[in-house]
Amino acid sequence: MLMIVFVYIHTVFTFLYISDTMYDYGIGGFDNEYNGENKCMNVFECFVVMMNDGLRPDGGPSEFAEPVDFISDTEHFGVKLFHDVSNILIIKVILFNVLFGIIIDTFA
């Protein structure tokens, strides 16, 4: 339950500040000339994407979000950097270790 609350808080931050970078170019790539779709059009879609793709062990939201250039858009780069690092530290490292600690303590 605690993890879902943190993912929701992270989702609201994602929707408010960096929803324009949450873009998937693989959707409709071969059907027509329009290539891609925004994965974060509203908070619910953003929450589903963060629960599905954000909790995977590979890279989280930084894997499917567009890169931001440091030189041309420094402020947006800082927000995206904070977003990605906080996702890794808070959700993946701390909350997963708490969850796994509870499971190991229960069955030990």
PDB file of N, CA and C in Angstrom:
ATOM      1  N   MET A   1       0.818  -1.189   0.000  1.00  0.00           N
ATOM      2  CA  MET A   1       0.000   0.000   0.000  1.00  0.00           C
ATOM      3  C   MET A   1       0.862   1.254   0.000  1.00  0.00           C
ATOM      4  N   LEU A   2       1.922   1.205   0.781  1.00  0.00           N
ATOM      5  CA  LEU A   2       2.826   2.357   0.863  1.00  0.00           C
ATOM      6  C   LEU A   2       3.496   2.623  -0.483  1.00  0.00           C
ATOM      7  N   MET A   3       3.825   1.543  -1.195  1.00  0.00           N
ATOM      8  CA  MET A   3       4.466   1.706  -2.499  1.00  0.00           C
ATOM      9  C   MET A   3       3.513   2.358  -3.499  1.00  0.00           C
ATOM     10  N   ILE A   4       2.244   1.999  -3.456  1.00  0.00           N
ATOM     11  CA  ILE A   4       1.271   2.593  -4.375  1.00  0.00           C
ATOM     12  C   ILE A   4       1.108   4.081  -4.099  1.00  0.00           C
ATOM     13  N   VAL A   5       1.148   4.472  -2.839  1.00  0.00           N
ATOM     14  CA  VAL A   5       1.047   5.890  -2.484  1.00  0.00           C
ATOM     15  C   VAL A   5       2.248   6.661  -3.020  1.00  0.00           C
ATOM     16  N   PHE A   6       3.445   6.117  -2.857  1.00  0.00           N
ATOM     17  CA  PHE A   6       4.635   6.794  -3.371  1.00  0.00           C
ATOM     18  C   PHE A   6       4.634   6.838  -4.902  1.00  0.00           C
ATOM     19  N   VAL A   7       4.177   5.781  -5.532  1.00  0.00           N
ATOM     20  CA  VAL A   7       4.091   5.785  -6.997  1.00  0.00           C
ATOM     21  C   VAL A   7       3.067   6.815  -7.456  1.00  0.00           C
ATOM     22  N   TYR A   8       1.972   6.966  -6.727  1.00  0.00           N
ATOM     23  CA  TYR A   8       0.977   7.975  -7.097  1.00  0.00           C
ATOM     24  C   TYR A   8       1.527   9.390  -6.930  1.00  0.00           C
ATOM     25  N   ILE A   9       2.246   9.641  -5.852  1.00  0.00           N
ATOM     26  CA  ILE A   9       2.875  10.960  -5.660  1.00  0.00           C
ATOM     27  C   ILE A   9       3.875  11.227  -6.774  1.00  0.00           C
ATOM     28  N   HIS A  10       4.633  10.234  -7.122  1.00  0.00           N
ATOM     29  CA  HIS A  10       5.596  10.365  -8.210  1.00  0.00           C
ATOM     30  C   HIS A  10       4.881  10.571  -9.543  1.00  0.00           C
ATOM     31  N   THR A  11       3.727   9.948  -9.716  1.00  0.00           N
ATOM     32  CA  THR A  11       2.935  10.107 -10.934  1.00  0.00           C
ATOM     33  C   THR A  11       2.405  11.526 -11.073  1.00  0.00           C
ATOM     34  N   VAL A  12       1.934  12.102  -9.993  1.00  0.00           N
ATOM     35  CA  VAL A  12       1.441  13.484 -10.040  1.00  0.00           C
ATOM     36  C   VAL A  12       2.580  14.432 -10.394  1.00  0.00           C
ATOM     37  N   PHE A  13       3.756  14.205  -9.820  1.00  0.00           N
ATOM     38  CA  PHE A  13       4.925  15.013 -10.171  1.00  0.00           C
ATOM     39  C   PHE A  13       5.267  14.845 -11.647  1.00  0.00           C
ATOM     40  N   THR A  14       5.184  13.627 -12.142  1.00  0.00           N
ATOM     41  CA  THR A  14       5.449  13.355 -13.550  1.00  0.00           C
ATOM     42  C   THR A  14       4.445  14.072 -14.441  1.00  0.00           C
ATOM     43  N   PHE A  15       3.182  13.991 -14.096  1.00  0.00           N
ATOM     44  CA  PHE A  15       2.144  14.606 -14.917  1.00  0.00           C
ATOM     45  C   PHE A  15       2.274  16.129 -14.931  1.00  0.00           C
ATOM     46  N   LEU A  16       2.600  16.720 -13.808  1.00  0.00           N
ATOM     47  CA  LEU A  16       2.650  18.179 -13.731  1.00  0.00           C
ATOM     48  C   LEU A  16       3.885  18.769 -14.401  1.00  0.00           C
ATOM     49  N   TYR A  17       5.017  18.088 -14.325  1.00  0.00           N
ATOM     50  CA  TYR A  17       6.261  18.712 -14.750  1.00  0.00           C
ATOM     51  C   TYR A  17       6.900  18.129 -16.005  1.00  0.00           C
ATOM     52  N   ILE A  18       6.815  16.825 -16.209  1.00  0.00           N
ATOM     53  CA  ILE A  18       7.537  16.259 -17.356  1.00  0.00           C
ATOM     54  C   ILE A  18       6.659  15.365 -18.221  1.00  0.00           C
ATOM     55  N   SER A  19       5.366  15.634 -18.264  1.00  0.00           N
ATOM     56  CA  SER A  19       4.486  14.785 -19.072  1.00  0.00           C
ATOM     57  C   SER A  19       4.770  14.919 -20.565  1.00  0.00           C
ATOM     58  N   ASP A  20       5.367  16.022 -20.979  1.00  0.00           N
ATOM     59  CA  ASP A  20       5.672  16.187 -22.405  1.00  0.00           C
ATOM     60  C   ASP A  20       6.834  15.318 -22.864  1.00  0.00           C
ATOM     61  N   THR A  21       7.612  14.770 -21.946  1.00  0.00           N
ATOM     62  CA  THR A  21       8.714  13.890 -22.340  1.00  0.00           C
ATOM     63  C   THR A  21       8.322  12.415 -22.332  1.00  0.00           C
ATOM     64  N   MET A  22       7.165  12.084 -21.814  1.00  0.00           N
ATOM     65  CA  MET A  22       6.722  10.695 -21.737  1.00  0.00           C
ATOM     66  C   MET A  22       6.086  10.316 -23.069  1.00  0.00           C
ATOM     67  N   TYR A  23       6.899   9.945 -24.018  1.00  0.00           N
ATOM     68  CA  TYR A  23       6.464   9.723 -25.388  1.00  0.00           C
ATOM     69  C   TYR A  23       6.952   8.367 -25.863  1.00  0.00           C
ATOM     70  N   ASP A  24       6.079   7.609 -26.473  1.00  0.00           N
ATOM     71  CA  ASP A  24       6.437   6.292 -26.988  1.00  0.00           C
ATOM     72  C   ASP A  24       6.403   6.339 -28.510  1.00  0.00           C
ATOM     73  N   TYR A  25       7.564   6.176 -29.123  1.00  0.00           N
ATOM     74  CA  TYR A  25       7.653   6.239 -30.578  1.00  0.00           C
ATOM     75  C   TYR A  25       7.299   4.926 -31.255  1.00  0.00           C
ATOM     76  N   GLY A  26       7.133   3.866 -30.498  1.00  0.00           N
ATOM     77  CA  GLY A  26       6.832   2.573 -31.099  1.00  0.00           C
ATOM     78  C   GLY A  26       5.374   2.388 -31.468  1.00  0.00           C
ATOM     79  N   ILE A  27       4.497   3.262 -31.000  1.00  0.00           N
ATOM     80  CA  ILE A  27       3.068   3.116 -31.278  1.00  0.00           C
ATOM     81  C   ILE A  27       2.767   3.672 -32.659  1.00  0.00           C
ATOM     82  N   GLY A  28       2.163   2.868 -33.507  1.00  0.00           N
ATOM     83  CA  GLY A  28       1.774   3.294 -34.846  1.00  0.00           C
ATOM     84  C   GLY A  28       2.957   3.547 -35.763  1.00  0.00           C
ATOM     85  N   GLY A  29       4.078   2.909 -35.503  1.00  0.00           N
ATOM     86  CA  GLY A  29       5.266   3.168 -36.286  1.00  0.00           C
ATOM     87  C   GLY A  29       5.197   2.677 -37.713  1.00  0.00           C
ATOM     88  N   PHE A  30       4.467   1.599 -37.966  1.00  0.00           N
ATOM     89  CA  PHE A  30       4.413   1.026 -39.299  1.00  0.00           C
ATOM     90  C   PHE A  30       3.065   1.233 -39.982  1.00  0.00           C
ATOM     91  N   ASP A  31       2.075   1.715 -39.247  1.00  0.00           N
ATOM     92  CA  ASP A  31       0.737   1.862 -39.814  1.00  0.00           C
ATOM     93  C   ASP A  31       0.582   3.114 -40.667  1.00  0.00           C
ATOM     94  N   ASN A  32       1.154   4.219 -40.235  1.00  0.00           N
ATOM     95  CA  ASN A  32       0.970   5.483 -40.941  1.00  0.00           C
ATOM     96  C   ASN A  32       2.199   6.367 -40.736  1.00  0.00           C
ATOM     97  N   GLU A  33       2.132   7.565 -41.236  1.00  0.00           N
ATOM     98  CA  GLU A  33       3.276   8.464 -41.092  1.00  0.00           C
ATOM     99  C   GLU A  33       3.375   9.052 -39.692  1.00  0.00           C
ATOM    100  N   TYR A  34       2.274   9.020 -38.917  1.00  0.00           N
ATOM    101  CA  TYR A  34       2.315   9.506 -37.540  1.00  0.00           C
ATOM    102  C   TYR A  34       2.972   8.440 -36.679  1.00  0.00           C
ATOM    103  N   ASN A  35       4.042   8.776 -36.041  1.00  0.00           N
ATOM    104  CA  ASN A  35       4.823   7.816 -35.286  1.00  0.00           C
ATOM    105  C   ASN A  35       4.895   8.247 -33.833  1.00  0.00           C
ATOM    106  N   GLY A  36       4.228   7.540 -32.957  1.00  0.00           N
ATOM    107  CA  GLY A  36       4.345   7.799 -31.537  1.00  0.00           C
ATOM    108  C   GLY A  36       3.068   8.299 -30.898  1.00  0.00           C
ATOM    109  N   GLU A  37       3.087   8.273 -29.557  1.00  0.00           N
ATOM    110  CA  GLU A  37       1.940   8.699 -28.779  1.00  0.00           C
ATOM    111  C   GLU A  37       2.416   9.097 -27.392  1.00  0.00           C
ATOM    112  N   ASN A  38       1.813  10.146 -26.839  1.00  0.00           N
ATOM    113  CA  ASN A  38       2.133  10.568 -25.480  1.00  0.00           C
ATOM    114  C   ASN A  38       1.530   9.563 -24.508  1.00  0.00           C
ATOM    115  N   LYS A  39       2.341   9.079 -23.584  1.00  0.00           N
ATOM    116  CA  LYS A  39       1.893   8.074 -22.631  1.00  0.00           C
ATOM    117  C   LYS A  39       1.298   8.676 -21.370  1.00  0.00           C
ATOM    118  N   CYS A  40       1.271  10.007 -21.281  1.00  0.00           N
ATOM    119  CA  CYS A  40       0.864  10.665 -20.039  1.00  0.00           C
ATOM    120  C   CYS A  40      -0.113  11.803 -20.350  1.00  0.00           C
ATOM    121  N   MET A  41      -1.249  11.459 -20.943  1.00  0.00           N
ATOM    122  CA  MET A  41      -2.236  12.486 -21.307  1.00  0.00           C
ATOM    123  C   MET A  41      -3.070  12.938 -20.105  1.00  0.00           C
ATOM    124  N   ASN A  42      -3.353  12.054 -19.176  1.00  0.00           N
ATOM    125  CA  ASN A  42      -4.023  12.427 -17.935  1.00  0.00           C
ATOM    126  C   ASN A  42      -3.376  11.669 -16.783  1.00  0.00           C
ATOM    127  N   VAL A  43      -3.816  11.942 -15.566  1.00  0.00           N
ATOM    128  CA  VAL A  43      -3.154  11.365 -14.391  1.00  0.00           C
ATOM    129  C   VAL A  43      -3.362   9.850 -14.332  1.00  0.00           C
ATOM    130  N   PHE A  44      -4.522   9.367 -14.742  1.00  0.00           N
ATOM    131  CA  PHE A  44      -4.759   7.928 -14.699  1.00  0.00           C
ATOM    132  C   PHE A  44      -3.847   7.175 -15.668  1.00  0.00           C
ATOM    133  N   GLU A  45      -3.739   7.669 -16.909  1.00  0.00           N
ATOM    134  CA  GLU A  45      -2.825   7.039 -17.870  1.00  0.00           C
ATOM    135  C   GLU A  45      -1.395   7.082 -17.359  1.00  0.00           C
ATOM    136  N   CYS A  46      -1.027   8.196 -16.785  1.00  0.00           N
ATOM    137  CA  CYS A  46       0.330   8.344 -16.254  1.00  0.00           C
ATOM    138  C   CYS A  46       0.568   7.356 -15.099  1.00  0.00           C
ATOM    139  N   PHE A  47      -0.440   7.164 -14.246  1.00  0.00           N
ATOM    140  CA  PHE A  47      -0.318   6.220 -13.134  1.00  0.00           C
ATOM    141  C   PHE A  47      -0.174   4.796 -13.641  1.00  0.00           C
ATOM    142  N   VAL A  48      -0.954   4.434 -14.656  1.00  0.00           N
ATOM    143  CA  VAL A  48      -0.854   3.084 -15.219  1.00  0.00           C
ATOM    144  C   VAL A  48       0.521   2.862 -15.839  1.00  0.00           C
ATOM    145  N   VAL A  49       1.032   3.869 -16.532  1.00  0.00           N
ATOM    146  CA  VAL A  49       2.363   3.758 -17.132  1.00  0.00           C
ATOM    147  C   VAL A  49       3.433   3.640 -16.049  1.00  0.00           C
ATOM    148  N   MET A  50       3.307   4.431 -14.989  1.00  0.00           N
ATOM    149  CA  MET A  50       4.309   4.359 -13.915  1.00  0.00           C
ATOM    150  C   MET A  50       4.242   3.035 -13.164  1.00  0.00           C
ATOM    151  N   MET A  51       3.043   2.480 -13.004  1.00  0.00           N
ATOM    152  CA  MET A  51       2.943   1.173 -12.344  1.00  0.00           C
ATOM    153  C   MET A  51       3.467   0.061 -13.252  1.00  0.00           C
ATOM    154  N   ASN A  52       3.215   0.172 -14.543  1.00  0.00           N
ATOM    155  CA  ASN A  52       3.633  -0.871 -15.466  1.00  0.00           C
ATOM    156  C   ASN A  52       5.115  -0.753 -15.814  1.00  0.00           C
ATOM    157  N   ASP A  53       5.523   0.397 -16.283  1.00  0.00           N
ATOM    158  CA  ASP A  53       6.899   0.566 -16.762  1.00  0.00           C
ATOM    159  C   ASP A  53       7.841   1.115 -15.694  1.00  0.00           C
ATOM    160  N   GLY A  54       7.322   1.859 -14.758  1.00  0.00           N
ATOM    161  CA  GLY A  54       8.175   2.522 -13.776  1.00  0.00           C
ATOM    162  C   GLY A  54       8.741   1.610 -12.723  1.00  0.00           C
ATOM    163  N   LEU A  55       8.090   0.493 -12.460  1.00  0.00           N
ATOM    164  CA  LEU A  55       8.559  -0.430 -11.417  1.00  0.00           C
ATOM    165  C   LEU A  55       9.427  -1.552 -11.961  1.00  0.00           C
ATOM    166  N   ARG A  56       9.670  -1.543 -13.235  1.00  0.00           N
ATOM    167  CA  ARG A  56      10.539  -2.578 -13.811  1.00  0.00           C
ATOM    168  C   ARG A  56      11.981  -2.319 -13.408  1.00  0.00           C
ATOM    169  N   PRO A  57      12.768  -3.381 -13.271  1.00  0.00           N
ATOM    170  CA  PRO A  57      14.125  -3.197 -12.759  1.00  0.00           C
ATOM    171  C   PRO A  57      15.128  -2.616 -13.747  1.00  0.00           C
ATOM    172  N   ASP A  58      14.756  -2.438 -15.003  1.00  0.00           N
ATOM    173  CA  ASP A  58      15.747  -1.995 -15.986  1.00  0.00           C
ATOM    174  C   ASP A  58      16.146  -0.535 -15.805  1.00  0.00           C
ATOM    175  N   GLY A  59      15.247   0.393 -15.975  1.00  0.00           N
ATOM    176  CA  GLY A  59      15.632   1.787 -15.870  1.00  0.00           C
ATOM    177  C   GLY A  59      14.513   2.700 -15.439  1.00  0.00           C
ATOM    178  N   GLY A  60      13.312   2.169 -15.404  1.00  0.00           N
ATOM    179  CA  GLY A  60      12.184   2.957 -14.963  1.00  0.00           C
ATOM    180  C   GLY A  60      11.749   3.982 -15.991  1.00  0.00           C
ATOM    181  N   PRO A  61      11.269   5.127 -15.539  1.00  0.00           N
ATOM    182  CA  PRO A  61      10.747   6.120 -16.467  1.00  0.00           C
ATOM    183  C   PRO A  61      11.807   6.735 -17.366  1.00  0.00           C
ATOM    184  N   SER A  62      13.045   6.668 -16.982  1.00  0.00           N
ATOM    185  CA  SER A  62      14.092   7.233 -17.835  1.00  0.00           C
ATOM    186  C   SER A  62      14.314   6.402 -19.088  1.00  0.00           C
ATOM    187  N   GLU A  63      13.849   5.153 -19.102  1.00  0.00           N
ATOM    188  CA  GLU A  63      13.987   4.300 -20.278  1.00  0.00           C
ATOM    189  C   GLU A  63      13.029   4.690 -21.392  1.00  0.00           C
ATOM    190  N   PHE A  64      11.816   5.115 -21.044  1.00  0.00           N
ATOM    191  CA  PHE A  64      10.828   5.399 -22.076  1.00  0.00           C
ATOM    192  C   PHE A  64      10.528   6.884 -22.228  1.00  0.00           C
ATOM    193  N   ALA A  65      11.202   7.745 -21.499  1.00  0.00           N
ATOM    194  CA  ALA A  65      10.995   9.187 -21.650  1.00  0.00           C
ATOM    195  C   ALA A  65      12.031   9.754 -22.621  1.00  0.00           C
ATOM    196  N   GLU A  66      11.648  10.843 -23.264  1.00  0.00           N
ATOM    197  CA  GLU A  66      12.568  11.490 -24.188  1.00  0.00           C
ATOM    198  C   GLU A  66      13.726  12.128 -23.425  1.00  0.00           C
ATOM    199  N   PRO A  67      14.909  12.112 -23.988  1.00  0.00           N
ATOM    200  CA  PRO A  67      16.020  12.816 -23.333  1.00  0.00           C
ATOM    201  C   PRO A  67      15.847  14.327 -23.443  1.00  0.00           C
ATOM    202  N   VAL A  68      16.366  15.029 -22.450  1.00  0.00           N
ATOM    203  CA  VAL A  68      16.295  16.489 -22.420  1.00  0.00           C
ATOM    204  C   VAL A  68      17.725  17.018 -22.494  1.00  0.00           C
ATOM    205  N   ASP A  69      17.951  17.994 -23.345  1.00  0.00           N
ATOM    206  CA  ASP A  69      19.281  18.555 -23.540  1.00  0.00           C
ATOM    207  C   ASP A  69      19.629  19.501 -22.395  1.00  0.00           C
ATOM    208  N   PHE A  70      20.807  19.331 -21.832  1.00  0.00           N
ATOM    209  CA  PHE A  70      21.247  20.162 -20.709  1.00  0.00           C
ATOM    210  C   PHE A  70      21.533  21.594 -21.138  1.00  0.00           C
ATOM    211  N   ILE A  71      22.116  21.783 -22.294  1.00  0.00           N
ATOM    212  CA  ILE A  71      22.532  23.117 -22.743  1.00  0.00           C
ATOM    213  C   ILE A  71      21.327  23.981 -23.104  1.00  0.00           C
ATOM    214  N   SER A  72      20.377  23.448 -23.864  1.00  0.00           N
ATOM    215  CA  SER A  72      19.266  24.271 -24.344  1.00  0.00           C
ATOM    216  C   SER A  72      18.143  24.417 -23.322  1.00  0.00           C
ATOM    217  N   ASP A  73      17.967  23.457 -22.438  1.00  0.00           N
ATOM    218  CA  ASP A  73      16.849  23.496 -21.493  1.00  0.00           C
ATOM    219  C   ASP A  73      17.325  23.020 -20.121  1.00  0.00           C
ATOM    220  N   THR A  74      18.086  23.857 -19.447  1.00  0.00           N
ATOM    221  CA  THR A  74      18.719  23.481 -18.187  1.00  0.00           C
ATOM    222  C   THR A  74      17.698  23.233 -17.081  1.00  0.00           C
ATOM    223  N   GLU A  75      16.670  24.062 -16.992  1.00  0.00           N
ATOM    224  CA  GLU A  75      15.673  23.906 -15.932  1.00  0.00           C
ATOM    225  C   GLU A  75      14.876  22.611 -16.095  1.00  0.00           C
ATOM    226  N   HIS A  76      14.480  22.313 -17.307  1.00  0.00           N
ATOM    227  CA  HIS A  76      13.745  21.077 -17.572  1.00  0.00           C
ATOM    228  C   HIS A  76      14.638  19.860 -17.339  1.00  0.00           C
ATOM    229  N   PHE A  77      15.918  19.992 -17.655  1.00  0.00           N
ATOM    230  CA  PHE A  77      16.868  18.903 -17.417  1.00  0.00           C
ATOM    231  C   PHE A  77      16.988  18.612 -15.921  1.00  0.00           C
ATOM    232  N   GLY A  78      17.034  19.655 -15.106  1.00  0.00           N
ATOM    233  CA  GLY A  78      17.134  19.467 -13.655  1.00  0.00           C
ATOM    234  C   GLY A  78      15.912  18.790 -13.073  1.00  0.00           C
ATOM    235  N   VAL A  79      14.736  19.162 -13.548  1.00  0.00           N
ATOM    236  CA  VAL A  79      13.499  18.533 -13.080  1.00  0.00           C
ATOM    237  C   VAL A  79      13.471  17.060 -13.471  1.00  0.00           C
ATOM    238  N   LYS A  80      13.859  16.756 -14.699  1.00  0.00           N
ATOM    239  CA  LYS A  80      13.874  15.363 -15.155  1.00  0.00           C
ATOM    240  C   LYS A  80      14.934  14.546 -14.417  1.00  0.00           C
ATOM    241  N   LEU A  81      16.070  15.149 -14.147  1.00  0.00           N
ATOM    242  CA  LEU A  81      17.108  14.459 -13.377  1.00  0.00           C
ATOM    243  C   LEU A  81      16.621  14.132 -11.972  1.00  0.00           C
ATOM    244  N   PHE A  82      15.987  15.111 -11.305  1.00  0.00           N
ATOM    245  CA  PHE A  82      15.424  14.866  -9.974  1.00  0.00           C
ATOM    246  C   PHE A  82      14.360  13.768 -10.029  1.00  0.00           C
ATOM    247  N   HIS A  83      13.535  13.787 -11.057  1.00  0.00           N
ATOM    248  CA  HIS A  83      12.484  12.785 -11.223  1.00  0.00           C
ATOM    249  C   HIS A  83      13.075  11.384 -11.352  1.00  0.00           C
ATOM    250  N   ASP A  84      14.058  11.228 -12.200  1.00  0.00           N
ATOM    251  CA  ASP A  84      14.643   9.904 -12.433  1.00  0.00           C
ATOM    252  C   ASP A  84      15.403   9.389 -11.216  1.00  0.00           C
ATOM    253  N   VAL A  85      16.182  10.256 -10.590  1.00  0.00           N
ATOM    254  CA  VAL A  85      16.968   9.830  -9.426  1.00  0.00           C
ATOM    255  C   VAL A  85      16.062   9.523  -8.242  1.00  0.00           C
ATOM    256  N   SER A  86      15.012  10.325  -8.031  1.00  0.00           N
ATOM    257  CA  SER A  86      14.099  10.046  -6.924  1.00  0.00           C
ATOM    258  C   SER A  86      13.329   8.748  -7.158  1.00  0.00           C
ATOM    259  N   ASN A  87      13.016   8.441  -8.395  1.00  0.00           N
ATOM    260  CA  ASN A  87      12.357   7.174  -8.681  1.00  0.00           C
ATOM    261  C   ASN A  87      13.273   6.006  -8.329  1.00  0.00           C
ATOM    262  N   ILE A  88      14.517   6.107  -8.701  1.00  0.00           N
ATOM    263  CA  ILE A  88      15.447   5.016  -8.416  1.00  0.00           C
ATOM    264  C   ILE A  88      15.691   4.881  -6.919  1.00  0.00           C
ATOM    265  N   LEU A  89      15.946   5.993  -6.237  1.00  0.00           N
ATOM    266  CA  LEU A  89      16.293   5.917  -4.816  1.00  0.00           C
ATOM    267  C   LEU A  89      15.100   5.588  -3.927  1.00  0.00           C
ATOM    268  N   ILE A  90      14.002   6.309  -4.092  1.00  0.00           N
ATOM    269  CA  ILE A  90      12.879   6.135  -3.173  1.00  0.00           C
ATOM    270  C   ILE A  90      12.089   4.873  -3.483  1.00  0.00           C
ATOM    271  N   ILE A  91      11.682   4.725  -4.718  1.00  0.00           N
ATOM    272  CA  ILE A  91      10.769   3.626  -5.034  1.00  0.00           C
ATOM    273  C   ILE A  91      11.505   2.308  -5.193  1.00  0.00           C
ATOM    274  N   LYS A  92      12.565   2.316  -5.964  1.00  0.00           N
ATOM    275  CA  LYS A  92      13.214   1.032  -6.255  1.00  0.00           C
ATOM    276  C   LYS A  92      14.125   0.551  -5.129  1.00  0.00           C
ATOM    277  N   VAL A  93      14.947   1.399  -4.596  1.00  0.00           N
ATOM    278  CA  VAL A  93      15.898   0.935  -3.584  1.00  0.00           C
ATOM    279  C   VAL A  93      15.244   0.809  -2.216  1.00  0.00           C
ATOM    280  N   ILE A  94      14.666   1.885  -1.717  1.00  0.00           N
ATOM    281  CA  ILE A  94      14.163   1.876  -0.345  1.00  0.00           C
ATOM    282  C   ILE A  94      12.892   1.039  -0.211  1.00  0.00           C
ATOM    283  N   LEU A  95      11.884   1.320  -1.035  1.00  0.00           N
ATOM    284  CA  LEU A  95      10.610   0.621  -0.851  1.00  0.00           C
ATOM    285  C   LEU A  95      10.676  -0.853  -1.232  1.00  0.00           C
ATOM    286  N   PHE A  96      11.428  -1.198  -2.260  1.00  0.00           N
ATOM    287  CA  PHE A  96      11.580  -2.617  -2.577  1.00  0.00           C
ATOM    288  C   PHE A  96      12.324  -3.347  -1.465  1.00  0.00           C
ATOM    289  N   ASN A  97      13.336  -2.725  -0.878  1.00  0.00           N
ATOM    290  CA  ASN A  97      14.056  -3.372   0.220  1.00  0.00           C
ATOM    291  C   ASN A  97      13.174  -3.523   1.460  1.00  0.00           C
ATOM    292  N   VAL A  98      12.308  -2.549   1.732  1.00  0.00           N
ATOM    293  CA  VAL A  98      11.363  -2.680   2.839  1.00  0.00           C
ATOM    294  C   VAL A  98      10.407  -3.834   2.567  1.00  0.00           C
ATOM    295  N   LEU A  99       9.878  -3.904   1.348  1.00  0.00           N
ATOM    296  CA  LEU A  99       8.954  -4.982   0.985  1.00  0.00           C
ATOM    297  C   LEU A  99       9.632  -6.345   1.079  1.00  0.00           C
ATOM    298  N   PHE A 100      10.826  -6.470   0.538  1.00  0.00           N
ATOM    299  CA  PHE A 100      11.530  -7.747   0.598  1.00  0.00           C
ATOM    300  C   PHE A 100      11.930  -8.089   2.025  1.00  0.00           C
ATOM    301  N   GLY A 101      12.259  -7.087   2.841  1.00  0.00           N
ATOM    302  CA  GLY A 101      12.573  -7.340   4.247  1.00  0.00           C
ATOM    303  C   GLY A 101      11.388  -7.868   5.002  1.00  0.00           C
ATOM    304  N   ILE A 102      10.201  -7.344   4.721  1.00  0.00           N
ATOM    305  CA  ILE A 102       8.988  -7.848   5.371  1.00  0.00           C
ATOM    306  C   ILE A 102       8.714  -9.286   4.946  1.00  0.00           C
ATOM    307  N   ILE A 103       8.900  -9.582   3.685  1.00  0.00           N
ATOM    308  CA  ILE A 103       8.659 -10.948   3.200  1.00  0.00           C
ATOM    309  C   ILE A 103       9.660 -11.921   3.812  1.00  0.00           C
ATOM    310  N   ILE A 104      10.932 -11.565   3.851  1.00  0.00           N
ATOM    311  CA  ILE A 104      11.953 -12.455   4.421  1.00  0.00           C
ATOM    312  C   ILE A 104      11.752 -12.637   5.915  1.00  0.00           C
ATOM    313  N   ASP A 105      11.378 -11.549   6.619  1.00  0.00           N
ATOM    314  CA  ASP A 105      11.139 -11.640   8.058  1.00  0.00           C
ATOM    315  C   ASP A 105       9.930 -12.515   8.369  1.00  0.00           C
ATOM    316  N   THR A 106       8.934 -12.486   7.512  1.00  0.00           N
ATOM    317  CA  THR A 106       7.742 -13.286   7.725  1.00  0.00           C
ATOM    318  C   THR A 106       8.021 -14.781   7.582  1.00  0.00           C
ATOM    319  N   PHE A 107       8.818 -15.144   6.600  1.00  0.00           N
ATOM    320  CA  PHE A 107       9.070 -16.560   6.326  1.00  0.00           C
ATOM    321  C   PHE A 107      10.349 -17.090   6.949  1.00  0.00           C
ATOM    322  N   ALA A 108      11.068 -16.282   7.695  1.00  0.00           N
ATOM    323  CA  ALA A 108      12.334 -16.749   8.275  1.00  0.00           C
ATOM    324  C   ALA A 108      12.126 -17.579   9.523  1.00  0.00           C
TER     325      ALA A 108
END
